[in-house]
Each structure stands twice: as C-alpha cells, then as structure tokens.
Amino acid sequence: MTGVSAGAGELLESTVVPPGERGATRIADRVVAKVAAQAAREAVGPLHPDAERPHATVVVHHDTAHVRVHLELDYPCDIGARCGRVRHQVVQRVGALVGMAVPEVAVQVERLHLAAEHGAQQGRTR
C-alpha cells in the first residue's frame, strides 16, 4: 500500500492559482443574441399569424452588449410603448442571465401587420 508523503501535499498547495489569475469565461455573441431575441418575444406577446419571430444581432465588447432587435408588430398599436417594453425586457434578461451590461438596445420595426378585426371594420361598404 502506498501513502502520500508530506512533500506531495505541499506541491499541491503551491500549484493553486489565485482567483484573479485563473482566466475568464467568454460568452459567444450568438448566445447573447438568442437571449435578447427570447426577451423580445416575451415583451411583444402574441404575434400576428404572418409575423416572423423577433430576432437580434449583438456586438459584445468585454462585459458590454450592444443589441439590435428586429421585430414585426400588429397595427394599430402604441409602437413607442411596445418598443420601450422590448428595450426594458432585453436589458433586464441579458443582465440577469448573461451578466452583461446593455447600454444600448436599438429596436427596428421591420413590418406592421394590420390587425384582423381592424381590417374588417375598415372594409368597403356599398
């Protein structure tokens, strides 16, 4: 049977790397983009049947993410308020799940879809 000598224990203790020198975890831009897109989906709510799901593009620099969200909305709606909700949700979710600051969220509305009930009310009458 072999035993561990006192010298081996000393060797292990001397190879422990201090926390500040261990390295860092890098989160890929596409992961942050997926989190931002999901947050935008949560904020937008139910989509028009013809609408595409929101998607995001992200540029990460150190611990900061600059996000651009592309989405389609129903019309009529308060576009400014809905974009504000998207911005707020993206900042909160990316910060909580990824641990990055989000100083900028640009929301780009790609298309507006006329709501079905509104379109029926606007139809022609003879």
N, C-alpha and C. Protein backbone atom coordinates (compact mmCIF):
# COMPACT_ATOMS: atom_id res chain seq x y z
N MET A 1 0.84 -1.16 0.00
CA MET A 1 0.00 0.00 0.00
C MET A 1 0.89 1.23 0.00
N THR A 2 0.52 2.19 -0.81
CA THR A 2 1.34 3.39 -0.88
C THR A 2 0.66 4.52 -0.15
N GLY A 3 1.40 5.38 0.41
CA GLY A 3 0.87 6.54 1.12
C GLY A 3 1.30 7.83 0.44
N VAL A 4 0.67 8.90 0.80
CA VAL A 4 1.01 10.21 0.25
C VAL A 4 2.00 10.86 1.20
N SER A 5 3.10 11.27 0.66
CA SER A 5 4.11 11.89 1.51
C SER A 5 3.73 13.36 1.76
N ALA A 6 4.31 13.90 2.78
CA ALA A 6 4.06 15.30 3.12
C ALA A 6 4.52 16.22 2.01
N GLY A 7 5.53 15.83 1.26
CA GLY A 7 6.03 16.64 0.15
C GLY A 7 5.01 16.80 -0.96
N ALA A 8 4.22 15.75 -1.24
CA ALA A 8 3.20 15.82 -2.30
C ALA A 8 2.11 16.81 -1.92
N GLY A 9 1.72 16.83 -0.66
CA GLY A 9 0.70 17.78 -0.20
C GLY A 9 1.17 19.22 -0.34
N GLU A 10 2.43 19.43 -0.06
CA GLU A 10 2.99 20.76 -0.20
C GLU A 10 3.02 21.18 -1.67
N LEU A 11 3.27 20.24 -2.57
CA LEU A 11 3.31 20.53 -4.00
C LEU A 11 1.93 20.96 -4.50
N LEU A 12 0.87 20.26 -4.05
CA LEU A 12 -0.49 20.60 -4.47
C LEU A 12 -0.88 22.00 -4.00
N GLU A 13 -0.52 22.33 -2.78
CA GLU A 13 -0.87 23.64 -2.25
C GLU A 13 -0.15 24.76 -2.99
N SER A 14 1.04 24.52 -3.45
CA SER A 14 1.80 25.57 -4.12
C SER A 14 1.33 25.77 -5.57
N THR A 15 0.57 24.82 -6.16
CA THR A 15 0.10 24.97 -7.54
C THR A 15 -1.29 25.57 -7.64
N VAL A 16 -1.90 25.93 -6.53
CA VAL A 16 -3.22 26.56 -6.55
C VAL A 16 -3.07 27.97 -7.12
N VAL A 17 -3.88 28.28 -8.13
CA VAL A 17 -3.82 29.57 -8.80
C VAL A 17 -4.80 30.53 -8.12
N PRO A 18 -4.36 31.73 -7.79
CA PRO A 18 -5.26 32.70 -7.16
C PRO A 18 -6.44 33.03 -8.08
N PRO A 19 -7.61 33.34 -7.52
CA PRO A 19 -8.81 33.59 -8.33
C PRO A 19 -8.63 34.64 -9.42
N GLY A 20 -7.89 35.68 -9.18
CA GLY A 20 -7.70 36.74 -10.16
C GLY A 20 -6.88 36.34 -11.37
N GLU A 21 -6.18 35.22 -11.27
CA GLU A 21 -5.31 34.78 -12.36
C GLU A 21 -5.80 33.51 -13.06
N ARG A 22 -7.00 33.05 -12.77
CA ARG A 22 -7.49 31.78 -13.30
C ARG A 22 -7.99 31.85 -14.73
N GLY A 23 -8.37 33.00 -15.20
CA GLY A 23 -8.93 33.09 -16.55
C GLY A 23 -10.34 33.62 -16.49
N ALA A 24 -11.03 33.55 -17.61
CA ALA A 24 -12.37 34.11 -17.67
C ALA A 24 -13.25 33.24 -18.56
N THR A 25 -14.53 33.34 -18.32
CA THR A 25 -15.50 32.66 -19.17
C THR A 25 -15.95 33.64 -20.24
N ARG A 26 -15.91 33.20 -21.49
CA ARG A 26 -16.34 34.06 -22.59
C ARG A 26 -17.66 33.53 -23.11
N ILE A 27 -18.66 34.40 -23.20
CA ILE A 27 -19.97 34.03 -23.73
C ILE A 27 -20.04 34.52 -25.17
N ALA A 28 -20.35 33.63 -26.08
CA ALA A 28 -20.38 33.95 -27.51
C ALA A 28 -21.49 34.96 -27.82
N ASP A 29 -21.24 35.78 -28.84
CA ASP A 29 -22.21 36.78 -29.26
C ASP A 29 -23.54 36.15 -29.62
N ARG A 30 -23.50 35.00 -30.27
CA ARG A 30 -24.76 34.37 -30.71
C ARG A 30 -25.60 33.90 -29.53
N VAL A 31 -24.97 33.56 -28.41
CA VAL A 31 -25.72 33.18 -27.21
C VAL A 31 -26.43 34.40 -26.64
N VAL A 32 -25.73 35.52 -26.59
CA VAL A 32 -26.34 36.76 -26.10
C VAL A 32 -27.48 37.17 -27.04
N ALA A 33 -27.29 36.98 -28.34
CA ALA A 33 -28.34 37.32 -29.31
C ALA A 33 -29.58 36.45 -29.10
N LYS A 34 -29.40 35.19 -28.80
CA LYS A 34 -30.54 34.31 -28.55
C LYS A 34 -31.29 34.72 -27.29
N VAL A 35 -30.56 35.09 -26.26
CA VAL A 35 -31.20 35.56 -25.02
C VAL A 35 -31.98 36.84 -25.30
N ALA A 36 -31.39 37.77 -26.05
CA ALA A 36 -32.06 39.03 -26.38
C ALA A 36 -33.30 38.80 -27.23
N ALA A 37 -33.23 37.89 -28.19
CA ALA A 37 -34.39 37.59 -29.04
C ALA A 37 -35.52 36.99 -28.22
N GLN A 38 -35.19 36.10 -27.31
CA GLN A 38 -36.22 35.49 -26.46
C GLN A 38 -36.85 36.55 -25.55
N ALA A 39 -36.05 37.45 -25.03
CA ALA A 39 -36.59 38.53 -24.20
C ALA A 39 -37.53 39.42 -25.02
N ALA A 40 -37.18 39.69 -26.27
CA ALA A 40 -38.06 40.48 -27.13
C ALA A 40 -39.36 39.75 -27.39
N ARG A 41 -39.30 38.44 -27.59
CA ARG A 41 -40.53 37.64 -27.79
C ARG A 41 -41.44 37.74 -26.57
N GLU A 42 -40.83 37.68 -25.38
CA GLU A 42 -41.60 37.79 -24.15
C GLU A 42 -42.29 39.14 -24.05
N ALA A 43 -41.60 40.20 -24.45
CA ALA A 43 -42.13 41.55 -24.32
C ALA A 43 -43.21 41.85 -25.36
N VAL A 44 -43.07 41.32 -26.56
CA VAL A 44 -44.02 41.62 -27.64
C VAL A 44 -45.35 40.92 -27.40
N GLY A 45 -45.32 39.72 -26.86
CA GLY A 45 -46.56 38.98 -26.65
C GLY A 45 -46.96 38.23 -27.90
N PRO A 46 -48.27 37.91 -28.01
CA PRO A 46 -48.72 37.14 -29.17
C PRO A 46 -48.50 37.89 -30.47
N LEU A 47 -48.07 37.16 -31.48
CA LEU A 47 -47.77 37.77 -32.77
C LEU A 47 -48.89 37.53 -33.77
N HIS A 48 -48.93 38.37 -34.78
CA HIS A 48 -49.83 38.18 -35.91
C HIS A 48 -49.44 36.86 -36.59
N PRO A 49 -50.40 36.10 -37.13
CA PRO A 49 -50.06 34.81 -37.74
C PRO A 49 -49.02 34.90 -38.86
N ASP A 50 -48.96 36.03 -39.56
CA ASP A 50 -47.99 36.17 -40.66
C ASP A 50 -46.66 36.76 -40.21
N ALA A 51 -46.55 37.14 -38.95
CA ALA A 51 -45.34 37.81 -38.47
C ALA A 51 -44.23 36.82 -38.18
N GLU A 52 -43.00 37.24 -38.47
CA GLU A 52 -41.83 36.45 -38.09
C GLU A 52 -41.51 36.73 -36.62
N ARG A 53 -40.87 35.77 -35.99
CA ARG A 53 -40.47 35.95 -34.60
C ARG A 53 -39.36 36.99 -34.52
N PRO A 54 -39.32 37.74 -33.42
CA PRO A 54 -38.22 38.72 -33.27
C PRO A 54 -36.86 38.03 -33.28
N HIS A 55 -35.88 38.71 -33.86
CA HIS A 55 -34.51 38.20 -33.80
C HIS A 55 -33.59 39.36 -33.45
N ALA A 56 -32.40 39.03 -32.99
CA ALA A 56 -31.47 40.06 -32.51
C ALA A 56 -30.08 39.85 -33.06
N THR A 57 -29.37 40.94 -33.21
CA THR A 57 -27.95 40.91 -33.51
C THR A 57 -27.24 41.64 -32.37
N VAL A 58 -26.06 41.16 -32.03
CA VAL A 58 -25.37 41.67 -30.84
C VAL A 58 -23.90 41.87 -31.16
N VAL A 59 -23.35 42.94 -30.59
CA VAL A 59 -21.91 43.16 -30.60
C VAL A 59 -21.47 43.23 -29.14
N VAL A 60 -20.60 42.31 -28.75
CA VAL A 60 -20.12 42.24 -27.37
C VAL A 60 -18.70 42.77 -27.30
N HIS A 61 -18.47 43.66 -26.35
CA HIS A 61 -17.13 44.20 -26.10
C HIS A 61 -16.91 44.13 -24.60
N HIS A 62 -16.00 43.27 -24.18
CA HIS A 62 -15.74 42.99 -22.76
C HIS A 62 -17.03 42.51 -22.11
N ASP A 63 -17.56 43.21 -21.13
CA ASP A 63 -18.79 42.80 -20.43
C ASP A 63 -19.97 43.67 -20.82
N THR A 64 -19.94 44.21 -22.03
CA THR A 64 -20.99 45.10 -22.50
C THR A 64 -21.54 44.56 -23.82
N ALA A 65 -22.86 44.55 -23.95
CA ALA A 65 -23.50 44.07 -25.17
C ALA A 65 -24.34 45.19 -25.79
N HIS A 66 -24.10 45.47 -27.05
CA HIS A 66 -24.91 46.42 -27.82
C HIS A 66 -25.85 45.58 -28.68
N VAL A 67 -27.15 45.77 -28.51
CA VAL A 67 -28.14 44.88 -29.09
C VAL A 67 -29.00 45.63 -30.10
N ARG A 68 -29.30 44.96 -31.21
CA ARG A 68 -30.28 45.44 -32.19
C ARG A 68 -31.32 44.35 -32.35
N VAL A 69 -32.59 44.70 -32.09
CA VAL A 69 -33.70 43.76 -32.17
C VAL A 69 -34.54 44.11 -33.39
N HIS A 70 -34.85 43.10 -34.20
CA HIS A 70 -35.69 43.26 -35.38
C HIS A 70 -37.02 42.56 -35.09
N LEU A 71 -38.13 43.29 -35.27
CA LEU A 71 -39.41 42.68 -34.98
C LEU A 71 -40.52 43.21 -35.88
N GLU A 72 -41.63 42.50 -35.86
CA GLU A 72 -42.83 42.89 -36.59
C GLU A 72 -43.94 43.05 -35.57
N LEU A 73 -44.79 44.07 -35.77
CA LEU A 73 -45.84 44.37 -34.81
C LEU A 73 -47.20 44.41 -35.49
N ASP A 74 -48.23 44.21 -34.67
CA ASP A 74 -49.59 44.42 -35.14
C ASP A 74 -49.84 45.92 -35.23
N TYR A 75 -50.76 46.30 -36.11
CA TYR A 75 -51.12 47.70 -36.22
C TYR A 75 -52.63 47.78 -36.27
N PRO A 76 -53.28 48.66 -35.62
CA PRO A 76 -52.75 49.77 -34.83
C PRO A 76 -52.35 49.33 -33.43
N CYS A 77 -51.31 49.96 -32.92
CA CYS A 77 -50.85 49.76 -31.55
C CYS A 77 -49.99 50.96 -31.18
N ASP A 78 -49.66 51.05 -29.92
CA ASP A 78 -48.76 52.09 -29.47
C ASP A 78 -47.34 51.59 -29.70
N ILE A 79 -46.79 51.93 -30.86
CA ILE A 79 -45.49 51.40 -31.28
C ILE A 79 -44.39 51.81 -30.30
N GLY A 80 -44.41 53.06 -29.87
CA GLY A 80 -43.38 53.54 -28.95
C GLY A 80 -43.38 52.79 -27.62
N ALA A 81 -44.58 52.55 -27.08
CA ALA A 81 -44.68 51.84 -25.81
C ALA A 81 -44.22 50.39 -25.95
N ARG A 82 -44.59 49.75 -27.04
CA ARG A 82 -44.18 48.35 -27.23
C ARG A 82 -42.67 48.25 -27.43
N CYS A 83 -42.08 49.19 -28.16
CA CYS A 83 -40.62 49.19 -28.32
C CYS A 83 -39.93 49.46 -26.98
N GLY A 84 -40.51 50.33 -26.17
CA GLY A 84 -39.97 50.59 -24.84
C GLY A 84 -39.99 49.35 -23.96
N ARG A 85 -41.10 48.58 -24.04
CA ARG A 85 -41.17 47.32 -23.27
C ARG A 85 -40.11 46.34 -23.74
N VAL A 86 -39.89 46.29 -25.06
CA VAL A 86 -38.86 45.39 -25.60
C VAL A 86 -37.49 45.80 -25.08
N ARG A 87 -37.17 47.08 -25.14
CA ARG A 87 -35.87 47.56 -24.63
C ARG A 87 -35.68 47.17 -23.17
N HIS A 88 -36.69 47.45 -22.36
CA HIS A 88 -36.61 47.18 -20.93
C HIS A 88 -36.40 45.68 -20.67
N GLN A 89 -37.18 44.85 -21.34
CA GLN A 89 -37.09 43.39 -21.14
C GLN A 89 -35.73 42.86 -21.58
N VAL A 90 -35.21 43.35 -22.70
CA VAL A 90 -33.90 42.89 -23.19
C VAL A 90 -32.81 43.26 -22.19
N VAL A 91 -32.83 44.48 -21.69
CA VAL A 91 -31.82 44.91 -20.71
C VAL A 91 -31.89 44.05 -19.46
N GLN A 92 -33.10 43.80 -18.96
CA GLN A 92 -33.27 43.01 -17.74
C GLN A 92 -32.82 41.56 -17.92
N ARG A 93 -33.27 40.91 -19.00
CA ARG A 93 -32.98 39.49 -19.19
C ARG A 93 -31.51 39.23 -19.52
N VAL A 94 -30.92 40.06 -20.37
CA VAL A 94 -29.50 39.87 -20.70
C VAL A 94 -28.65 40.10 -19.45
N GLY A 95 -28.99 41.12 -18.68
CA GLY A 95 -28.26 41.38 -17.45
C GLY A 95 -28.37 40.23 -16.45
N ALA A 96 -29.59 39.68 -16.31
CA ALA A 96 -29.81 38.62 -15.32
C ALA A 96 -29.23 37.28 -15.77
N LEU A 97 -29.40 36.93 -17.04
CA LEU A 97 -28.99 35.60 -17.50
C LEU A 97 -27.54 35.52 -17.95
N VAL A 98 -27.03 36.60 -18.52
CA VAL A 98 -25.68 36.57 -19.08
C VAL A 98 -24.69 37.37 -18.24
N GLY A 99 -25.20 38.31 -17.46
CA GLY A 99 -24.34 39.12 -16.60
C GLY A 99 -23.61 40.23 -17.33
N MET A 100 -24.21 40.71 -18.42
CA MET A 100 -23.60 41.80 -19.19
C MET A 100 -24.44 43.06 -19.08
N ALA A 101 -23.76 44.19 -19.11
CA ALA A 101 -24.46 45.47 -19.17
C ALA A 101 -24.93 45.69 -20.61
N VAL A 102 -26.11 46.29 -20.75
CA VAL A 102 -26.66 46.57 -22.08
C VAL A 102 -26.99 48.06 -22.13
N PRO A 103 -26.02 48.89 -22.56
CA PRO A 103 -26.27 50.33 -22.58
C PRO A 103 -27.14 50.77 -23.76
N GLU A 104 -27.27 49.92 -24.77
CA GLU A 104 -27.98 50.32 -25.98
C GLU A 104 -28.78 49.15 -26.53
N VAL A 105 -30.09 49.38 -26.75
CA VAL A 105 -30.94 48.41 -27.43
C VAL A 105 -31.66 49.18 -28.53
N ALA A 106 -31.29 48.92 -29.77
CA ALA A 106 -31.95 49.54 -30.91
C ALA A 106 -33.05 48.60 -31.38
N VAL A 107 -34.27 49.10 -31.42
CA VAL A 107 -35.40 48.29 -31.87
C VAL A 107 -35.77 48.74 -33.27
N GLN A 108 -35.72 47.81 -34.20
CA GLN A 108 -36.04 48.10 -35.59
C GLN A 108 -37.34 47.36 -35.94
N VAL A 109 -38.39 48.13 -36.22
CA VAL A 109 -39.66 47.54 -36.62
C VAL A 109 -39.59 47.29 -38.12
N GLU A 110 -39.56 46.03 -38.50
CA GLU A 110 -39.40 45.65 -39.89
C GLU A 110 -40.70 45.75 -40.68
N ARG A 111 -41.82 45.46 -40.00
CA ARG A 111 -43.09 45.40 -40.72
C ARG A 111 -44.23 45.57 -39.74
N LEU A 112 -45.31 46.18 -40.19
CA LEU A 112 -46.53 46.31 -39.41
C LEU A 112 -47.61 45.45 -40.06
N HIS A 113 -48.34 44.70 -39.24
CA HIS A 113 -49.42 43.83 -39.73
C HIS A 113 -50.74 44.42 -39.28
N LEU A 114 -51.64 44.64 -40.21
CA LEU A 114 -52.96 45.16 -39.89
C LEU A 114 -53.72 44.11 -39.09
N ALA A 115 -54.22 44.52 -37.94
CA ALA A 115 -54.97 43.59 -37.09
C ALA A 115 -56.23 43.16 -37.81
N ALA A 116 -56.62 41.90 -37.68
CA ALA A 116 -57.75 41.32 -38.42
C ALA A 116 -59.05 42.05 -38.13
N GLU A 117 -59.35 42.32 -36.86
CA GLU A 117 -60.61 42.97 -36.54
C GLU A 117 -60.64 44.41 -37.03
N HIS A 118 -59.48 45.07 -37.03
CA HIS A 118 -59.42 46.44 -37.52
C HIS A 118 -59.61 46.46 -39.03
N GLY A 119 -59.04 45.48 -39.74
CA GLY A 119 -59.19 45.41 -41.18
C GLY A 119 -60.63 45.16 -41.57
N ALA A 120 -61.34 44.35 -40.79
CA ALA A 120 -62.74 44.07 -41.10
C ALA A 120 -63.59 45.32 -40.91
N GLN A 121 -63.27 46.15 -39.92
CA GLN A 121 -64.03 47.37 -39.69
C GLN A 121 -63.76 48.40 -40.78
N GLN A 122 -62.58 48.36 -41.38
CA GLN A 122 -62.20 49.34 -42.39
C GLN A 122 -62.64 48.92 -43.79
N GLY A 123 -63.28 47.74 -43.92
CA GLY A 123 -63.67 47.24 -45.23
C GLY A 123 -64.65 48.17 -45.93
N ARG A 124 -64.78 48.01 -47.22
CA ARG A 124 -65.69 48.84 -48.01
C ARG A 124 -67.14 48.42 -47.79
N THR A 125 -67.97 49.40 -47.83
CA THR A 125 -69.42 49.14 -47.79
C THR A 125 -70.04 49.77 -49.02
N ARG A 126 -71.11 49.15 -49.51
CA ARG A 126 -71.81 49.69 -50.68
C ARG A 126 -73.18 50.12 -50.33
